[in-house]
Amino acid sequence: MSKSSTSVKAKKRCCKDRPRCKRCPVVLKRLARQGLAERVEGRRYALSPKLKKKHVKKARAR
């Protein structure tokens, strides 16, 4: 990842709200599968600088 990426720590559990919260582990895993986030260690993810609001909105949908 580049230096301009943002680091986010996922919550321990999914709260199962609608839409899912931004720090939900399910949302971060979906973004990682799309190549827009990279798992750094444990619950910490590095977000891509290419990440757009529409990508997060789609990942948060139930």
N, C-alpha and C. Protein backbone atom coordinates (compact mmCIF):
# COMPACT_ATOMS: atom_id res chain seq x y z
N MET A 1 0.83 -1.17 0.00
CA MET A 1 0.00 0.00 0.00
C MET A 1 0.88 1.25 0.00
N SER A 2 0.33 2.31 -0.50
CA SER A 2 1.06 3.56 -0.52
C SER A 2 0.99 4.23 0.85
N LYS A 3 1.82 5.24 1.05
CA LYS A 3 1.86 5.93 2.33
C LYS A 3 0.59 6.72 2.60
N SER A 4 -0.14 7.10 1.56
CA SER A 4 -1.33 7.92 1.75
C SER A 4 -2.57 7.11 2.15
N SER A 5 -2.42 5.81 2.39
CA SER A 5 -3.58 5.00 2.76
C SER A 5 -3.95 5.25 4.22
N THR A 6 -5.22 5.05 4.52
CA THR A 6 -5.74 5.27 5.86
C THR A 6 -5.86 3.93 6.56
N SER A 7 -5.54 3.90 7.83
CA SER A 7 -5.63 2.68 8.61
C SER A 7 -6.89 2.72 9.46
N VAL A 8 -7.62 1.59 9.49
CA VAL A 8 -8.87 1.48 10.25
C VAL A 8 -8.83 0.19 11.06
N LYS A 9 -9.28 0.27 12.30
CA LYS A 9 -9.35 -0.92 13.14
C LYS A 9 -10.80 -1.38 13.20
N ALA A 10 -11.04 -2.62 12.83
CA ALA A 10 -12.40 -3.17 12.82
C ALA A 10 -12.89 -3.42 14.24
N LYS A 11 -14.21 -3.35 14.42
CA LYS A 11 -14.81 -3.69 15.71
C LYS A 11 -14.69 -5.19 15.93
N LYS A 12 -14.90 -5.61 17.16
CA LYS A 12 -14.78 -7.04 17.47
C LYS A 12 -15.92 -7.85 16.86
N ARG A 13 -17.12 -7.28 16.88
CA ARG A 13 -18.29 -7.99 16.35
C ARG A 13 -19.11 -7.09 15.45
N CYS A 14 -19.85 -7.73 14.57
CA CYS A 14 -20.79 -7.00 13.74
C CYS A 14 -22.03 -6.72 14.58
N CYS A 15 -22.52 -5.48 14.55
CA CYS A 15 -23.70 -5.12 15.34
C CYS A 15 -25.00 -5.43 14.59
N LYS A 16 -24.90 -5.80 13.33
CA LYS A 16 -26.04 -6.21 12.50
C LYS A 16 -27.06 -5.10 12.29
N ASP A 17 -26.61 -3.85 12.29
CA ASP A 17 -27.48 -2.72 11.98
C ASP A 17 -27.72 -2.67 10.47
N ARG A 18 -28.66 -1.82 10.08
CA ARG A 18 -28.92 -1.57 8.65
C ARG A 18 -28.79 -0.09 8.39
N PRO A 19 -27.91 0.39 7.57
CA PRO A 19 -26.80 -0.34 6.94
C PRO A 19 -25.71 -0.63 7.98
N ARG A 20 -24.83 -1.52 7.63
CA ARG A 20 -23.74 -1.87 8.54
C ARG A 20 -22.86 -0.65 8.78
N CYS A 21 -22.25 -0.57 9.95
CA CYS A 21 -21.39 0.58 10.26
C CYS A 21 -20.08 0.48 9.49
N LYS A 22 -19.37 1.58 9.39
CA LYS A 22 -18.16 1.66 8.56
C LYS A 22 -17.02 0.83 9.12
N ARG A 23 -16.99 0.63 10.44
CA ARG A 23 -15.92 -0.14 11.06
C ARG A 23 -16.28 -1.61 11.26
N CYS A 24 -17.38 -2.03 10.70
CA CYS A 24 -17.82 -3.42 10.83
C CYS A 24 -16.81 -4.35 10.15
N PRO A 25 -16.47 -5.48 10.77
CA PRO A 25 -15.52 -6.40 10.14
C PRO A 25 -16.01 -6.96 8.81
N VAL A 26 -17.33 -7.09 8.65
CA VAL A 26 -17.89 -7.60 7.40
C VAL A 26 -17.64 -6.60 6.26
N VAL A 27 -17.85 -5.31 6.55
CA VAL A 27 -17.64 -4.27 5.55
C VAL A 27 -16.17 -4.23 5.13
N LEU A 28 -15.27 -4.29 6.09
CA LEU A 28 -13.84 -4.24 5.76
C LEU A 28 -13.40 -5.47 4.98
N LYS A 29 -13.97 -6.61 5.29
CA LYS A 29 -13.63 -7.83 4.55
C LYS A 29 -14.14 -7.75 3.11
N ARG A 30 -15.33 -7.19 2.92
CA ARG A 30 -15.86 -7.02 1.57
C ARG A 30 -14.98 -6.08 0.76
N LEU A 31 -14.53 -4.99 1.38
CA LEU A 31 -13.64 -4.04 0.69
C LEU A 31 -12.31 -4.71 0.35
N ALA A 32 -11.81 -5.57 1.23
CA ALA A 32 -10.56 -6.27 0.98
C ALA A 32 -10.71 -7.23 -0.20
N ARG A 33 -11.85 -7.89 -0.31
CA ARG A 33 -12.09 -8.79 -1.44
C ARG A 33 -12.13 -8.04 -2.77
N GLN A 34 -12.58 -6.78 -2.73
CA GLN A 34 -12.64 -5.96 -3.94
C GLN A 34 -11.29 -5.33 -4.26
N GLY A 35 -10.32 -5.48 -3.37
CA GLY A 35 -9.00 -4.90 -3.59
C GLY A 35 -8.91 -3.45 -3.15
N LEU A 36 -9.87 -2.98 -2.36
CA LEU A 36 -9.89 -1.59 -1.92
C LEU A 36 -9.40 -1.43 -0.48
N ALA A 37 -9.08 -2.54 0.16
CA ALA A 37 -8.51 -2.52 1.50
C ALA A 37 -7.56 -3.71 1.62
N GLU A 38 -6.61 -3.58 2.51
CA GLU A 38 -5.65 -4.67 2.70
C GLU A 38 -5.51 -4.93 4.20
N ARG A 39 -5.62 -6.19 4.58
CA ARG A 39 -5.49 -6.53 5.98
C ARG A 39 -4.03 -6.43 6.39
N VAL A 40 -3.75 -5.60 7.37
CA VAL A 40 -2.38 -5.37 7.80
C VAL A 40 -2.00 -6.36 8.89
N GLU A 41 -2.78 -6.37 9.97
CA GLU A 41 -2.55 -7.29 11.08
C GLU A 41 -3.82 -7.43 11.90
N GLY A 42 -4.15 -8.60 12.29
CA GLY A 42 -5.32 -8.81 13.13
C GLY A 42 -6.57 -8.11 12.61
N ARG A 43 -7.04 -7.10 13.36
CA ARG A 43 -8.26 -6.38 12.98
C ARG A 43 -7.96 -5.08 12.25
N ARG A 44 -6.73 -4.78 11.94
CA ARG A 44 -6.37 -3.51 11.31
C ARG A 44 -6.31 -3.66 9.79
N TYR A 45 -6.94 -2.71 9.10
CA TYR A 45 -6.97 -2.71 7.63
C TYR A 45 -6.41 -1.39 7.12
N ALA A 46 -5.71 -1.42 6.00
CA ALA A 46 -5.24 -0.22 5.32
C ALA A 46 -6.16 0.00 4.12
N LEU A 47 -6.81 1.16 4.09
CA LEU A 47 -7.73 1.46 3.00
C LEU A 47 -6.99 2.08 1.83
N SER A 48 -7.41 1.73 0.64
CA SER A 48 -6.81 2.24 -0.59
C SER A 48 -7.17 3.71 -0.80
N PRO A 49 -6.24 4.50 -1.36
CA PRO A 49 -6.59 5.88 -1.70
C PRO A 49 -7.62 5.97 -2.82
N LYS A 50 -7.85 4.87 -3.56
CA LYS A 50 -8.85 4.83 -4.64
C LYS A 50 -10.26 4.61 -4.13
N LEU A 51 -10.42 4.38 -2.83
CA LEU A 51 -11.71 4.08 -2.23
C LEU A 51 -12.66 5.28 -2.36
N LYS A 52 -13.84 5.03 -2.92
CA LYS A 52 -14.84 6.08 -3.12
C LYS A 52 -16.04 5.81 -2.20
N LYS A 53 -16.86 6.83 -2.05
CA LYS A 53 -18.04 6.73 -1.19
C LYS A 53 -18.99 5.65 -1.68
N LYS A 54 -19.13 5.49 -3.01
CA LYS A 54 -20.04 4.48 -3.55
C LYS A 54 -19.55 3.06 -3.24
N HIS A 55 -18.22 2.85 -3.15
CA HIS A 55 -17.71 1.53 -2.79
C HIS A 55 -18.09 1.17 -1.36
N VAL A 56 -17.96 2.15 -0.45
CA VAL A 56 -18.29 1.91 0.95
C VAL A 56 -19.80 1.69 1.09
N LYS A 57 -20.58 2.46 0.36
CA LYS A 57 -22.05 2.33 0.42
C LYS A 57 -22.48 0.94 -0.02
N LYS A 58 -21.87 0.42 -1.07
CA LYS A 58 -22.21 -0.92 -1.57
C LYS A 58 -21.79 -1.99 -0.56
N ALA A 59 -20.63 -1.83 0.06
CA ALA A 59 -20.14 -2.81 1.03
C ALA A 59 -20.98 -2.81 2.30
N ARG A 60 -21.59 -1.67 2.64
CA ARG A 60 -22.39 -1.57 3.85
C ARG A 60 -23.81 -2.10 3.66
N ALA A 61 -24.24 -2.30 2.44
CA ALA A 61 -25.61 -2.77 2.18
C ALA A 61 -25.81 -4.18 2.72
N ARG A 62 -27.06 -4.45 3.10
CA ARG A 62 -27.38 -5.80 3.61
C ARG A 62 -28.09 -6.60 2.55
